[in-house]
PDB file of N, CA and C in Angstrom:
ATOM      1  N   UNK A   1     115.076  82.208 103.050  1.00  0.00           N
ATOM      2  CA  UNK A   1     114.582  83.534 102.752  1.00  0.00           C
ATOM      3  C   UNK A   1     115.786  84.480 102.787  1.00  0.00           C
ATOM      4  N   UNK A   2     115.972  85.203 101.702  1.00  0.00           N
ATOM      5  CA  UNK A   2     117.103  86.126 101.592  1.00  0.00           C
ATOM      6  C   UNK A   2     116.910  87.370 102.458  1.00  0.00           C
ATOM      7  N   UNK A   3     115.698  87.931 102.411  1.00  0.00           N
ATOM      8  CA  UNK A   3     115.425  89.151 103.155  1.00  0.00           C
ATOM      9  C   UNK A   3     114.026  89.097 103.747  1.00  0.00           C
ATOM     10  N   UNK A   4     113.928  89.325 105.050  1.00  0.00           N
ATOM     11  CA  UNK A   4     112.631  89.384 105.722  1.00  0.00           C
ATOM     12  C   UNK A   4     112.159  90.831 105.705  1.00  0.00           C
ATOM     13  N   UNK A   5     110.941  91.048 105.217  1.00  0.00           N
ATOM     14  CA  UNK A   5     110.371  92.387 105.151  1.00  0.00           C
ATOM     15  C   UNK A   5     109.557  92.723 106.392  1.00  0.00           C
ATOM     16  N   UNK A   6     108.815  91.760 106.885  1.00  0.00           N
ATOM     17  CA  UNK A   6     108.108  91.967 108.145  1.00  0.00           C
ATOM     18  C   UNK A   6     107.702  90.637 108.759  1.00  0.00           C
ATOM     19  N   UNK A   7     107.375  90.711 110.047  1.00  0.00           N
ATOM     20  CA  UNK A   7     106.919  89.539 110.802  1.00  0.00           C
ATOM     21  C   UNK A   7     105.679  89.964 111.571  1.00  0.00           C
ATOM     22  N   UNK A   8     104.652  89.148 111.487  1.00  0.00           N
ATOM     23  CA  UNK A   8     103.436  89.361 112.265  1.00  0.00           C
ATOM     24  C   UNK A   8     103.235  88.148 113.165  1.00  0.00           C
ATOM     25  N   UNK A   9     102.686  88.372 114.354  1.00  0.00           N
ATOM     26  CA  UNK A   9     102.474  87.273 115.288  1.00  0.00           C
ATOM     27  C   UNK A   9     101.007  87.172 115.659  1.00  0.00           C
ATOM     28  N   UNK A  10     100.609  85.973 116.075  1.00  0.00           N
ATOM     29  CA  UNK A  10      99.230  85.758 116.477  1.00  0.00           C
ATOM     30  C   UNK A  10      99.105  84.592 117.443  1.00  0.00           C
ATOM     31  N   UNK A  11      97.973  84.526 118.085  1.00  0.00           N
ATOM     32  CA  UNK A  11      97.666  83.463 119.039  1.00  0.00           C
ATOM     33  C   UNK A  11      96.284  82.913 118.728  1.00  0.00           C
ATOM     34  N   UNK A  12      96.152  81.597 118.816  1.00  0.00           N
ATOM     35  CA  UNK A  12      94.857  80.974 118.601  1.00  0.00           C
ATOM     36  C   UNK A  12      94.662  79.843 119.585  1.00  0.00           C
ATOM     37  N   UNK A  13      93.410  79.584 119.930  1.00  0.00           N
ATOM     38  CA  UNK A  13      93.148  78.480 120.839  1.00  0.00           C
ATOM     39  C   UNK A  13      91.904  77.704 120.486  1.00  0.00           C
ATOM     40  N   UNK A  14      91.932  76.461 120.939  1.00  0.00           N
ATOM     41  CA  UNK A  14      90.750  75.610 120.867  1.00  0.00           C
ATOM     42  C   UNK A  14      90.442  75.236 122.311  1.00  0.00           C
ATOM     43  N   UNK A  15      89.371  75.806 122.838  1.00  0.00           N
ATOM     44  CA  UNK A  15      89.084  75.686 124.263  1.00  0.00           C
ATOM     45  C   UNK A  15      88.590  74.299 124.652  1.00  0.00           C
ATOM     46  N   UNK A  16      87.694  73.700 123.871  1.00  0.00           N
ATOM     47  CA  UNK A  16      87.123  72.419 124.290  1.00  0.00           C
ATOM     48  C   UNK A  16      87.358  71.276 123.310  1.00  0.00           C
ATOM     49  N   UNK A  17      87.669  71.575 122.065  1.00  0.00           N
ATOM     50  CA  UNK A  17      87.761  70.525 121.061  1.00  0.00           C
ATOM     51  C   UNK A  17      89.085  69.787 121.010  1.00  0.00           C
ATOM     52  N   UNK A  18      90.123  70.365 121.617  1.00  0.00           N
ATOM     53  CA  UNK A  18      91.461  69.763 121.608  1.00  0.00           C
ATOM     54  C   UNK A  18      91.904  69.420 120.186  1.00  0.00           C
ATOM     55  N   UNK A  19      91.672  70.361 119.295  1.00  0.00           N
ATOM     56  CA  UNK A  19      92.055  70.189 117.899  1.00  0.00           C
ATOM     57  C   UNK A  19      93.170  71.173 117.581  1.00  0.00           C
ATOM     58  N   UNK A  20      94.364  70.652 117.395  1.00  0.00           N
ATOM     59  CA  UNK A  20      95.520  71.500 117.128  1.00  0.00           C
ATOM     60  C   UNK A  20      95.335  72.297 115.840  1.00  0.00           C
ATOM     61  N   UNK A  21      94.573  71.775 114.893  1.00  0.00           N
ATOM     62  CA  UNK A  21      94.324  72.484 113.643  1.00  0.00           C
ATOM     63  C   UNK A  21      93.483  73.733 113.863  1.00  0.00           C
ATOM     64  N   UNK A  22      92.490  73.649 114.710  1.00  0.00           N
ATOM     65  CA  UNK A  22      91.649  74.806 115.008  1.00  0.00           C
ATOM     66  C   UNK A  22      92.501  75.899 115.644  1.00  0.00           C
ATOM     67  N   UNK A  23      93.311  75.538 116.620  1.00  0.00           N
ATOM     68  CA  UNK A  23      94.151  76.521 117.302  1.00  0.00           C
ATOM     69  C   UNK A  23      95.199  77.106 116.354  1.00  0.00           C
ATOM     70  N   UNK A  24      95.810  76.279 115.515  1.00  0.00           N
ATOM     71  CA  UNK A  24      96.822  76.759 114.567  1.00  0.00           C
ATOM     72  C   UNK A  24      96.196  77.686 113.532  1.00  0.00           C
ATOM     73  N   UNK A  25      95.058  77.291 112.989  1.00  0.00           N
ATOM     74  CA  UNK A  25      94.337  78.114 112.010  1.00  0.00           C
ATOM     75  C   UNK A  25      94.031  79.492 112.603  1.00  0.00           C
ATOM     76  N   UNK A  26      93.521  79.504 113.815  1.00  0.00           N
ATOM     77  CA  UNK A  26      93.162  80.763 114.466  1.00  0.00           C
ATOM     78  C   UNK A  26      94.395  81.623 114.740  1.00  0.00           C
ATOM     79  N   UNK A  27      95.513  81.006 115.068  1.00  0.00           N
ATOM     80  CA  UNK A  27      96.727  81.780 115.341  1.00  0.00           C
ATOM     81  C   UNK A  27      97.254  82.458 114.084  1.00  0.00           C
ATOM     82  N   UNK A  28      97.198  81.767 112.950  1.00  0.00           N
ATOM     83  CA  UNK A  28      97.652  82.362 111.688  1.00  0.00           C
ATOM     84  C   UNK A  28      96.693  83.466 111.256  1.00  0.00           C
ATOM     85  N   UNK A  29      95.400  83.218 111.377  1.00  0.00           N
ATOM     86  CA  UNK A  29      94.407  84.252 111.047  1.00  0.00           C
ATOM     87  C   UNK A  29      94.617  85.489 111.921  1.00  0.00           C
ATOM     88  N   UNK A  30      94.904  85.279 113.187  1.00  0.00           N
ATOM     89  CA  UNK A  30      95.152  86.393 114.100  1.00  0.00           C
ATOM     90  C   UNK A  30      96.376  87.195 113.646  1.00  0.00           C
ATOM     91  N   UNK A  31      97.389  86.505 113.180  1.00  0.00           N
ATOM     92  CA  UNK A  31      98.620  87.171 112.744  1.00  0.00           C
ATOM     93  C   UNK A  31      98.418  87.999 111.480  1.00  0.00           C
ATOM     94  N   UNK A  32      97.607  87.523 110.551  1.00  0.00           N
ATOM     95  CA  UNK A  32      97.503  88.200 109.252  1.00  0.00           C
ATOM     96  C   UNK A  32      96.216  88.988 109.057  1.00  0.00           C
ATOM     97  N   UNK A  33      95.257  88.816 109.919  1.00  0.00           N
ATOM     98  CA  UNK A  33      93.910  89.349 109.699  1.00  0.00           C
ATOM     99  C   UNK A  33      93.845  90.871 109.583  1.00  0.00           C
ATOM    100  N   UNK A  34      94.621  91.587 110.360  1.00  0.00           N
ATOM    101  CA  UNK A  34      94.496  93.040 110.412  1.00  0.00           C
ATOM    102  C   UNK A  34      95.595  93.751 109.625  1.00  0.00           C
ATOM    103  N   UNK A  35      96.172  93.099 108.640  1.00  0.00           N
ATOM    104  CA  UNK A  35      97.282  93.673 107.905  1.00  0.00           C
ATOM    105  C   UNK A  35      96.901  94.001 106.465  1.00  0.00           C
ATOM    106  N   UNK A  36      97.514  95.065 105.988  1.00  0.00           N
ATOM    107  CA  UNK A  36      97.416  95.426 104.584  1.00  0.00           C
ATOM    108  C   UNK A  36      98.832  95.791 104.140  1.00  0.00           C
ATOM    109  N   UNK A  37      99.235  95.281 102.994  1.00  0.00           N
ATOM    110  CA  UNK A  37     100.593  95.523 102.510  1.00  0.00           C
ATOM    111  C   UNK A  37     100.533  96.145 101.112  1.00  0.00           C
ATOM    112  N   UNK A  38     100.012  97.347 100.973  1.00  0.00           N
ATOM    113  CA  UNK A  38      99.842  97.918  99.638  1.00  0.00           C
ATOM    114  C   UNK A  38     101.156  98.149  98.893  1.00  0.00           C
ATOM    115  N   UNK A  39     102.260  98.325  99.594  1.00  0.00           N
ATOM    116  CA  UNK A  39     103.537  98.588  98.936  1.00  0.00           C
ATOM    117  C   UNK A  39     104.421  97.370  98.761  1.00  0.00           C
ATOM    118  N   UNK A  40     103.896  96.180  99.056  1.00  0.00           N
ATOM    119  CA  UNK A  40     104.725  94.972  99.022  1.00  0.00           C
ATOM    120  C   UNK A  40     105.275  94.684  97.620  1.00  0.00           C
ATOM    121  N   UNK A  41     104.514  94.948  96.591  1.00  0.00           N
ATOM    122  CA  UNK A  41     104.994  94.680  95.222  1.00  0.00           C
ATOM    123  C   UNK A  41     106.284  95.436  94.919  1.00  0.00           C
ATOM    124  N   UNK A  42     106.378  96.667  95.400  1.00  0.00           N
ATOM    125  CA  UNK A  42     107.571  97.466  95.121  1.00  0.00           C
ATOM    126  C   UNK A  42     108.800  96.951  95.861  1.00  0.00           C
ATOM    127  N   UNK A  43     108.602  96.115  96.852  1.00  0.00           N
ATOM    128  CA  UNK A  43     109.719  95.568  97.622  1.00  0.00           C
ATOM    129  C   UNK A  43     110.180  94.200  97.115  1.00  0.00           C
ATOM    130  N   UNK A  44     109.363  93.565  96.297  1.00  0.00           N
ATOM    131  CA  UNK A  44     109.670  92.215  95.823  1.00  0.00           C
ATOM    132  C   UNK A  44     110.427  92.252  94.501  1.00  0.00           C
ATOM    133  N   UNK A  45     111.278  91.252  94.272  1.00  0.00           N
ATOM    134  CA  UNK A  45     111.963  91.159  92.976  1.00  0.00           C
ATOM    135  C   UNK A  45     110.933  91.109  91.839  1.00  0.00           C
ATOM    136  N   UNK A  46     111.111  91.936  90.859  1.00  0.00           N
ATOM    137  CA  UNK A  46     110.242  92.024  89.682  1.00  0.00           C
ATOM    138  C   UNK A  46     108.809  92.442  90.027  1.00  0.00           C
ATOM    139  N   UNK A  47     108.557  92.860  91.263  1.00  0.00           N
ATOM    140  CA  UNK A  47     107.223  93.294  91.659  1.00  0.00           C
ATOM    141  C   UNK A  47     106.172  92.208  91.581  1.00  0.00           C
ATOM    142  N   UNK A  48     106.603  90.956  91.628  1.00  0.00           N
ATOM    143  CA  UNK A  48     105.697  89.817  91.444  1.00  0.00           C
ATOM    144  C   UNK A  48     105.384  89.171  92.797  1.00  0.00           C
ATOM    145  N   UNK A  49     104.103  89.106  93.143  1.00  0.00           N
ATOM    146  CA  UNK A  49     103.703  88.499  94.419  1.00  0.00           C
ATOM    147  C   UNK A  49     104.091  87.024  94.511  1.00  0.00           C
ATOM    148  N   UNK A  50     104.271  86.381  93.368  1.00  0.00           N
ATOM    149  CA  UNK A  50     104.703  84.984  93.392  1.00  0.00           C
ATOM    150  C   UNK A  50     106.149  84.840  93.834  1.00  0.00           C
ATOM    151  N   UNK A  51     106.912  85.942  93.835  1.00  0.00           N
ATOM    152  CA  UNK A  51     108.282  85.909  94.341  1.00  0.00           C
ATOM    153  C   UNK A  51     108.341  86.049  95.854  1.00  0.00           C
ATOM    154  N   UNK A  52     107.226  86.351  96.470  1.00  0.00           N
ATOM    155  CA  UNK A  52     107.169  86.500  97.917  1.00  0.00           C
ATOM    156  C   UNK A  52     107.310  85.128  98.583  1.00  0.00           C
ATOM    157  N   UNK A  53     108.064  85.101  99.669  1.00  0.00           N
ATOM    158  CA  UNK A  53     108.180  83.888 100.472  1.00  0.00           C
ATOM    159  C   UNK A  53     107.540  84.162 101.821  1.00  0.00           C
ATOM    160  N   UNK A  54     106.775  83.206 102.274  1.00  0.00           N
ATOM    161  CA  UNK A  54     106.094  83.327 103.562  1.00  0.00           C
ATOM    162  C   UNK A  54     106.431  82.092 104.378  1.00  0.00           C
ATOM    163  N   UNK A  55     107.054  82.307 105.535  1.00  0.00           N
ATOM    164  CA  UNK A  55     107.347  81.202 106.438  1.00  0.00           C
ATOM    165  C   UNK A  55     106.451  81.342 107.661  1.00  0.00           C
ATOM    166  N   UNK A  56     105.646  80.337 107.899  1.00  0.00           N
ATOM    167  CA  UNK A  56     104.738  80.313 109.041  1.00  0.00           C
ATOM    168  C   UNK A  56     105.366  79.421 110.106  1.00  0.00           C
ATOM    169  N   UNK A  57     105.721  80.028 111.242  1.00  0.00           N
ATOM    170  CA  UNK A  57     106.250  79.266 112.373  1.00  0.00           C
ATOM    171  C   UNK A  57     105.119  79.076 113.375  1.00  0.00           C
ATOM    172  N   UNK A  58     104.885  77.828 113.760  1.00  0.00           N
ATOM    173  CA  UNK A  58     103.825  77.505 114.711  1.00  0.00           C
ATOM    174  C   UNK A  58     104.420  76.847 115.946  1.00  0.00           C
ATOM    175  N   UNK A  59     104.128  77.403 117.103  1.00  0.00           N
ATOM    176  CA  UNK A  59     104.530  76.807 118.379  1.00  0.00           C
ATOM    177  C   UNK A  59     103.327  76.040 118.916  1.00  0.00           C
ATOM    178  N   UNK A  60     103.444  74.717 118.885  1.00  0.00           N
ATOM    179  CA  UNK A  60     102.323  73.836 119.195  1.00  0.00           C
ATOM    180  C   UNK A  60     102.662  73.017 120.440  1.00  0.00           C
ATOM    181  N   UNK A  61     101.744  72.950 121.430  1.00  0.00           N
ATOM    182  CA  UNK A  61     102.049  72.253 122.676  1.00  0.00           C
ATOM    183  C   UNK A  61     102.082  70.732 122.564  1.00  0.00           C
ATOM    184  N   UNK A  62     101.225  70.175 121.749  1.00  0.00           N
ATOM    185  CA  UNK A  62     101.175  68.726 121.543  1.00  0.00           C
ATOM    186  C   UNK A  62     100.283  68.433 120.349  1.00  0.00           C
ATOM    187  N   UNK A  63     100.405  67.231 119.808  1.00  0.00           N
ATOM    188  CA  UNK A  63      99.571  66.834 118.686  1.00  0.00           C
ATOM    189  C   UNK A  63     100.019  67.391 117.349  1.00  0.00           C
ATOM    190  N   UNK A  64     101.272  67.810 117.234  1.00  0.00           N
ATOM    191  CA  UNK A  64     101.729  68.417 115.979  1.00  0.00           C
ATOM    192  C   UNK A  64     101.675  67.441 114.804  1.00  0.00           C
ATOM    193  N   UNK A  65     101.692  66.148 115.087  1.00  0.00           N
ATOM    194  CA  UNK A  65     101.596  65.159 114.007  1.00  0.00           C
ATOM    195  C   UNK A  65     100.210  65.177 113.349  1.00  0.00           C
ATOM    196  N   UNK A  66      99.242  65.808 113.985  1.00  0.00           N
ATOM    197  CA  UNK A  66      97.895  65.909 113.436  1.00  0.00           C
ATOM    198  C   UNK A  66      97.684  67.178 112.602  1.00  0.00           C
ATOM    199  N   UNK A  67      98.698  68.034 112.538  1.00  0.00           N
ATOM    200  CA  UNK A  67      98.559  69.302 111.833  1.00  0.00           C
ATOM    201  C   UNK A  67      98.331  69.080 110.337  1.00  0.00           C
ATOM    202  N   UNK A  68      97.328  69.739 109.808  1.00  0.00           N
ATOM    203  CA  UNK A  68      96.995  69.670 108.380  1.00  0.00           C
ATOM    204  C   UNK A  68      97.647  70.865 107.682  1.00  0.00           C
ATOM    205  N   UNK A  69      98.862  70.660 107.196  1.00  0.00           N
ATOM    206  CA  UNK A  69      99.678  71.728 106.618  1.00  0.00           C
ATOM    207  C   UNK A  69      98.974  72.455 105.476  1.00  0.00           C
ATOM    208  N   UNK A  70      98.304  71.727 104.623  1.00  0.00           N
ATOM    209  CA  UNK A  70      97.656  72.351 103.466  1.00  0.00           C
ATOM    210  C   UNK A  70      96.571  73.343 103.864  1.00  0.00           C
ATOM    211  N   UNK A  71      95.842  73.054 104.934  1.00  0.00           N
ATOM    212  CA  UNK A  71      94.787  73.976 105.373  1.00  0.00           C
ATOM    213  C   UNK A  71      95.390  75.270 105.908  1.00  0.00           C
ATOM    214  N   UNK A  72      96.535  75.164 106.550  1.00  0.00           N
ATOM    215  CA  UNK A  72      97.217  76.364 107.040  1.00  0.00           C
ATOM    216  C   UNK A  72      97.743  77.166 105.846  1.00  0.00           C
ATOM    217  N   UNK A  73      98.331  76.484 104.875  1.00  0.00           N
ATOM    218  CA  UNK A  73      98.866  77.163 103.686  1.00  0.00           C
ATOM    219  C   UNK A  73      97.776  77.899 102.915  1.00  0.00           C
ATOM    220  N   UNK A  74      96.567  77.378 102.917  1.00  0.00           N
ATOM    221  CA  UNK A  74      95.463  78.019 102.196  1.00  0.00           C
ATOM    222  C   UNK A  74      95.112  79.392 102.753  1.00  0.00           C
ATOM    223  N   UNK A  75      95.514  79.684 103.973  1.00  0.00           N
ATOM    224  CA  UNK A  75      95.241  80.987 104.574  1.00  0.00           C
ATOM    225  C   UNK A  75      96.091  82.099 103.964  1.00  0.00           C
ATOM    226  N   UNK A  76      97.200  81.724 103.344  1.00  0.00           N
ATOM    227  CA  UNK A  76      98.128  82.698 102.770  1.00  0.00           C
ATOM    228  C   UNK A  76      97.829  82.815 101.276  1.00  0.00           C
ATOM    229  N   UNK A  77      97.354  83.968 100.818  1.00  0.00           N
ATOM    230  CA  UNK A  77      96.869  84.068  99.439  1.00  0.00           C
ATOM    231  C   UNK A  77      97.948  84.144  98.355  1.00  0.00           C
ATOM    232  N   UNK A  78      99.179  84.522  98.706  1.00  0.00           N
ATOM    233  CA  UNK A  78     100.208  84.727  97.685  1.00  0.00           C
ATOM    234  C   UNK A  78     101.531  84.124  98.131  1.00  0.00           C
ATOM    235  N   UNK A  79     102.379  83.883  97.150  1.00  0.00           N
ATOM    236  CA  UNK A  79     103.756  83.504  97.424  1.00  0.00           C
ATOM    237  C   UNK A  79     103.960  82.028  97.693  1.00  0.00           C
ATOM    238  N   UNK A  80     105.204  81.713  97.991  1.00  0.00           N
ATOM    239  CA  UNK A  80     105.621  80.353  98.314  1.00  0.00           C
ATOM    240  C   UNK A  80     105.587  80.214  99.832  1.00  0.00           C
ATOM    241  N   UNK A  81     104.743  79.318 100.340  1.00  0.00           N
ATOM    242  CA  UNK A  81     104.510  79.196 101.780  1.00  0.00           C
ATOM    243  C   UNK A  81     105.193  77.951 102.324  1.00  0.00           C
ATOM    244  N   UNK A  82     105.937  78.131 103.413  1.00  0.00           N
ATOM    245  CA  UNK A  82     106.496  77.008 104.153  1.00  0.00           C
ATOM    246  C   UNK A  82     105.976  77.078 105.587  1.00  0.00           C
ATOM    247  N   UNK A  83     105.936  75.924 106.220  1.00  0.00           N
ATOM    248  CA  UNK A  83     105.476  75.861 107.608  1.00  0.00           C
ATOM    249  C   UNK A  83     106.544  75.177 108.439  1.00  0.00           C
ATOM    250  N   UNK A  84     106.865  75.808 109.542  1.00  0.00           N
ATOM    251  CA  UNK A  84     107.826  75.270 110.496  1.00  0.00           C
ATOM    252  C   UNK A  84     107.097  75.079 111.820  1.00  0.00           C
ATOM    253  N   UNK A  85     107.214  73.899 112.411  1.00  0.00           N
ATOM    254  CA  UNK A  85     106.554  73.606 113.681  1.00  0.00           C
ATOM    255  C   UNK A  85     107.609  73.424 114.757  1.00  0.00           C
ATOM    256  N   UNK A  86     107.407  74.100 115.879  1.00  0.00           N
ATOM    257  CA  UNK A  86     108.288  73.965 117.034  1.00  0.00           C
ATOM    258  C   UNK A  86     107.437  73.624 118.250  1.00  0.00           C
ATOM    259  N   UNK A  87     108.073  73.067 119.257  1.00  0.00           N
ATOM    260  CA  UNK A  87     107.371  72.796 120.511  1.00  0.00           C
ATOM    261  C   UNK A  87     107.181  74.117 121.250  1.00  0.00           C
ATOM    262  N   UNK A  88     105.976  74.363 121.677  1.00  0.00           N
ATOM    263  CA  UNK A  88     105.688  75.608 122.387  1.00  0.00           C
ATOM    264  C   UNK A  88     104.207  75.747 122.612  1.00  0.00           C
ATOM    265  N   UNK A  89     103.753  76.976 122.651  1.00  0.00           N
ATOM    266  CA  UNK A  89     102.348  77.188 122.939  1.00  0.00           C
ATOM    267  C   UNK A  89     102.027  76.726 124.344  1.00  0.00           C
ATOM    268  N   UNK A  90     100.826  76.254 124.531  1.00  0.00           N
ATOM    269  CA  UNK A  90     100.432  75.812 125.868  1.00  0.00           C
ATOM    270  C   UNK A  90      99.236  74.872 125.781  1.00  0.00           C
ATOM    271  N   UNK A  91      99.237  73.879 126.654  1.00  0.00           N
ATOM    272  CA  UNK A  91      98.057  73.055 126.906  1.00  0.00           C
ATOM    273  C   UNK A  91      97.736  73.281 128.376  1.00  0.00           C
ATOM    274  N   UNK A  92      96.582  73.852 128.641  1.00  0.00           N
ATOM    275  CA  UNK A  92      96.220  74.186 130.009  1.00  0.00           C
ATOM    276  C   UNK A  92      94.753  73.853 130.248  1.00  0.00           C
ATOM    277  N   UNK A  93      94.374  73.819 131.483  1.00  0.00           N
ATOM    278  CA  UNK A  93      92.995  73.444 131.811  1.00  0.00           C
ATOM    279  C   UNK A  93      91.999  74.472 131.290  1.00  0.00           C
ATOM    280  N   UNK A  94      90.882  73.959 130.819  1.00  0.00           N
ATOM    281  CA  UNK A  94      89.784  74.832 130.408  1.00  0.00           C
ATOM    282  C   UNK A  94      88.803  75.008 131.558  1.00  0.00           C
ATOM    283  N   UNK A  95      89.014  74.245 132.624  1.00  0.00           N
ATOM    284  CA  UNK A  95      88.147  74.337 133.789  1.00  0.00           C
ATOM    285  C   UNK A  95      86.917  73.457 133.717  1.00  0.00           C
ATOM    286  N   UNK A  96      86.765  72.733 132.612  1.00  0.00           N
ATOM    287  CA  UNK A  96      85.589  71.881 132.440  1.00  0.00           C
ATOM    288  C   UNK A  96      86.045  70.483 132.084  1.00  0.00           C
ATOM    289  N   UNK A  97      85.594  69.515 132.829  1.00  0.00           N
ATOM    290  CA  UNK A  97      85.863  68.123 132.489  1.00  0.00           C
ATOM    291  C   UNK A  97      84.576  67.525 131.965  1.00  0.00           C
ATOM    292  N   UNK A  98      84.645  66.956 130.777  1.00  0.00           N
ATOM    293  CA  UNK A  98      83.459  66.414 130.127  1.00  0.00           C
ATOM    294  C   UNK A  98      83.366  64.918 130.406  1.00  0.00           C
ATOM    295  N   UNK A  99      82.614  64.552 131.421  1.00  0.00           N
ATOM    296  CA  UNK A  99      82.515  63.153 131.833  1.00  0.00           C
ATOM    297  C   UNK A  99      81.879  62.269 130.774  1.00  0.00           C
ATOM    298  N   UNK A 100      80.991  62.842 129.978  1.00  0.00           N
ATOM    299  CA  UNK A 100      80.300  62.040 128.974  1.00  0.00           C
ATOM    300  C   UNK A 100      81.121  61.828 127.708  1.00  0.00           C
ATOM    301  N   UNK A 101      82.306  62.431 127.632  1.00  0.00           N
ATOM    302  CA  UNK A 101      83.166  62.266 126.460  1.00  0.00           C
ATOM    303  C   UNK A 101      84.491  61.661 126.910  1.00  0.00           C
ATOM    304  N   UNK A 102      84.572  60.365 126.877  1.00  0.00           N
ATOM    305  CA  UNK A 102      85.742  59.657 127.375  1.00  0.00           C
ATOM    306  C   UNK A 102      87.021  59.967 126.596  1.00  0.00           C
ATOM    307  N   UNK A 103      86.869  60.363 125.330  1.00  0.00           N
ATOM    308  CA  UNK A 103      88.050  60.642 124.503  1.00  0.00           C
ATOM    309  C   UNK A 103      88.575  62.057 124.688  1.00  0.00           C
ATOM    310  N   UNK A 104      87.942  62.864 125.527  1.00  0.00           N
ATOM    311  CA  UNK A 104      88.359  64.245 125.758  1.00  0.00           C
ATOM    312  C   UNK A 104      88.735  64.434 127.221  1.00  0.00           C
ATOM    313  N   UNK A 105      89.598  65.411 127.462  1.00  0.00           N
ATOM    314  CA  UNK A 105      89.873  65.826 128.823  1.00  0.00           C
ATOM    315  C   UNK A 105      89.599  67.311 128.917  1.00  0.00           C
ATOM    316  N   UNK A 106      90.065  67.982 129.939  1.00  0.00           N
ATOM    317  CA  UNK A 106      89.718  69.395 130.115  1.00  0.00           C
ATOM    318  C   UNK A 106      90.739  70.352 129.523  1.00  0.00           C
ATOM    319  N   UNK A 107      91.663  69.874 128.705  1.00  0.00           N
ATOM    320  CA  UNK A 107      92.701  70.755 128.179  1.00  0.00           C
ATOM    321  C   UNK A 107      92.225  71.649 127.047  1.00  0.00           C
ATOM    322  N   UNK A 108      92.744  72.867 127.033  1.00  0.00           N
ATOM    323  CA  UNK A 108      92.606  73.731 125.864  1.00  0.00           C
ATOM    324  C   UNK A 108      93.997  73.875 125.260  1.00  0.00           C
ATOM    325  N   UNK A 109      94.052  73.947 123.932  1.00  0.00           N
ATOM    326  CA  UNK A 109      95.320  74.095 123.223  1.00  0.00           C
ATOM    327  C   UNK A 109      95.485  75.545 122.796  1.00  0.00           C
ATOM    328  N   UNK A 110      96.663  76.088 123.078  1.00  0.00           N
ATOM    329  CA  UNK A 110      97.000  77.439 122.664  1.00  0.00           C
ATOM    330  C   UNK A 110      98.212  77.346 121.738  1.00  0.00           C
ATOM    331  N   UNK A 111      98.081  77.905 120.545  1.00  0.00           N
ATOM    332  CA  UNK A 111      99.142  77.869 119.539  1.00  0.00           C
ATOM    333  C   UNK A 111      99.555  79.300 119.211  1.00  0.00           C
ATOM    334  N   UNK A 112     100.856  79.531 119.128  1.00  0.00           N
ATOM    335  CA  UNK A 112     101.397  80.822 118.721  1.00  0.00           C
ATOM    336  C   UNK A 112     101.923  80.728 117.308  1.00  0.00           C
ATOM    337  N   UNK A 113     101.734  81.796 116.541  1.00  0.00           N
ATOM    338  CA  UNK A 113     102.216  81.840 115.155  1.00  0.00           C
ATOM    339  C   UNK A 113     103.082  83.079 114.952  1.00  0.00           C
ATOM    340  N   UNK A 114     104.129  82.906 114.149  1.00  0.00           N
ATOM    341  CA  UNK A 114     104.916  84.026 113.629  1.00  0.00           C
ATOM    342  C   UNK A 114     104.928  83.845 112.113  1.00  0.00           C
ATOM    343  N   UNK A 115     104.458  84.850 111.407  1.00  0.00           N
ATOM    344  CA  UNK A 115     104.383  84.795 109.950  1.00  0.00           C
ATOM    345  C   UNK A 115     105.426  85.765 109.402  1.00  0.00           C
ATOM    346  N   UNK A 116     106.453  85.180 108.779  1.00  0.00           N
ATOM    347  CA  UNK A 116     107.545  85.971 108.212  1.00  0.00           C
ATOM    348  C   UNK A 116     107.303  86.140 106.717  1.00  0.00           C
ATOM    349  N   UNK A 117     107.399  87.375 106.240  1.00  0.00           N
ATOM    350  CA  UNK A 117     107.189  87.660 104.826  1.00  0.00           C
ATOM    351  C   UNK A 117     108.450  88.329 104.275  1.00  0.00           C
ATOM    352  N   UNK A 118     108.892  87.826 103.149  1.00  0.00           N
ATOM    353  CA  UNK A 118     110.084  88.387 102.507  1.00  0.00           C
ATOM    354  C   UNK A 118     110.271  87.803 101.126  1.00  0.00           C
ATOM    355  N   UNK A 119     111.532  87.685 100.723  1.00  0.00           N
ATOM    356  CA  UNK A 119     111.852  87.094  99.431  1.00  0.00           C
ATOM    357  C   UNK A 119     113.216  86.439  99.480  1.00  0.00           C
TER     358      UNK A 119
END
């Protein structure tokens, strides 16, 4: 990315499902949900939204190999989207252990997102 115009951050979690995709999806939605960029066209080369570059950085505590990149990319309506995954976020107790679900434990996954927009 030649020039970063802005960065938005967000946090998402999956309390009981231990699904890194749910937490990542929610973190990106949190980062972009309350934003409006009415003047972005005037800042982009040729005023074309397709010239916009969006880099989504996700800090994931574990299970990053299960991340469904395409579903995250679908959240961004314009531009060329890349996703970068780093170790981070948090896996912490949810306070509930589900004895009847042997494949689950009591962890909740917390994922942090930074969405960089530029060209």
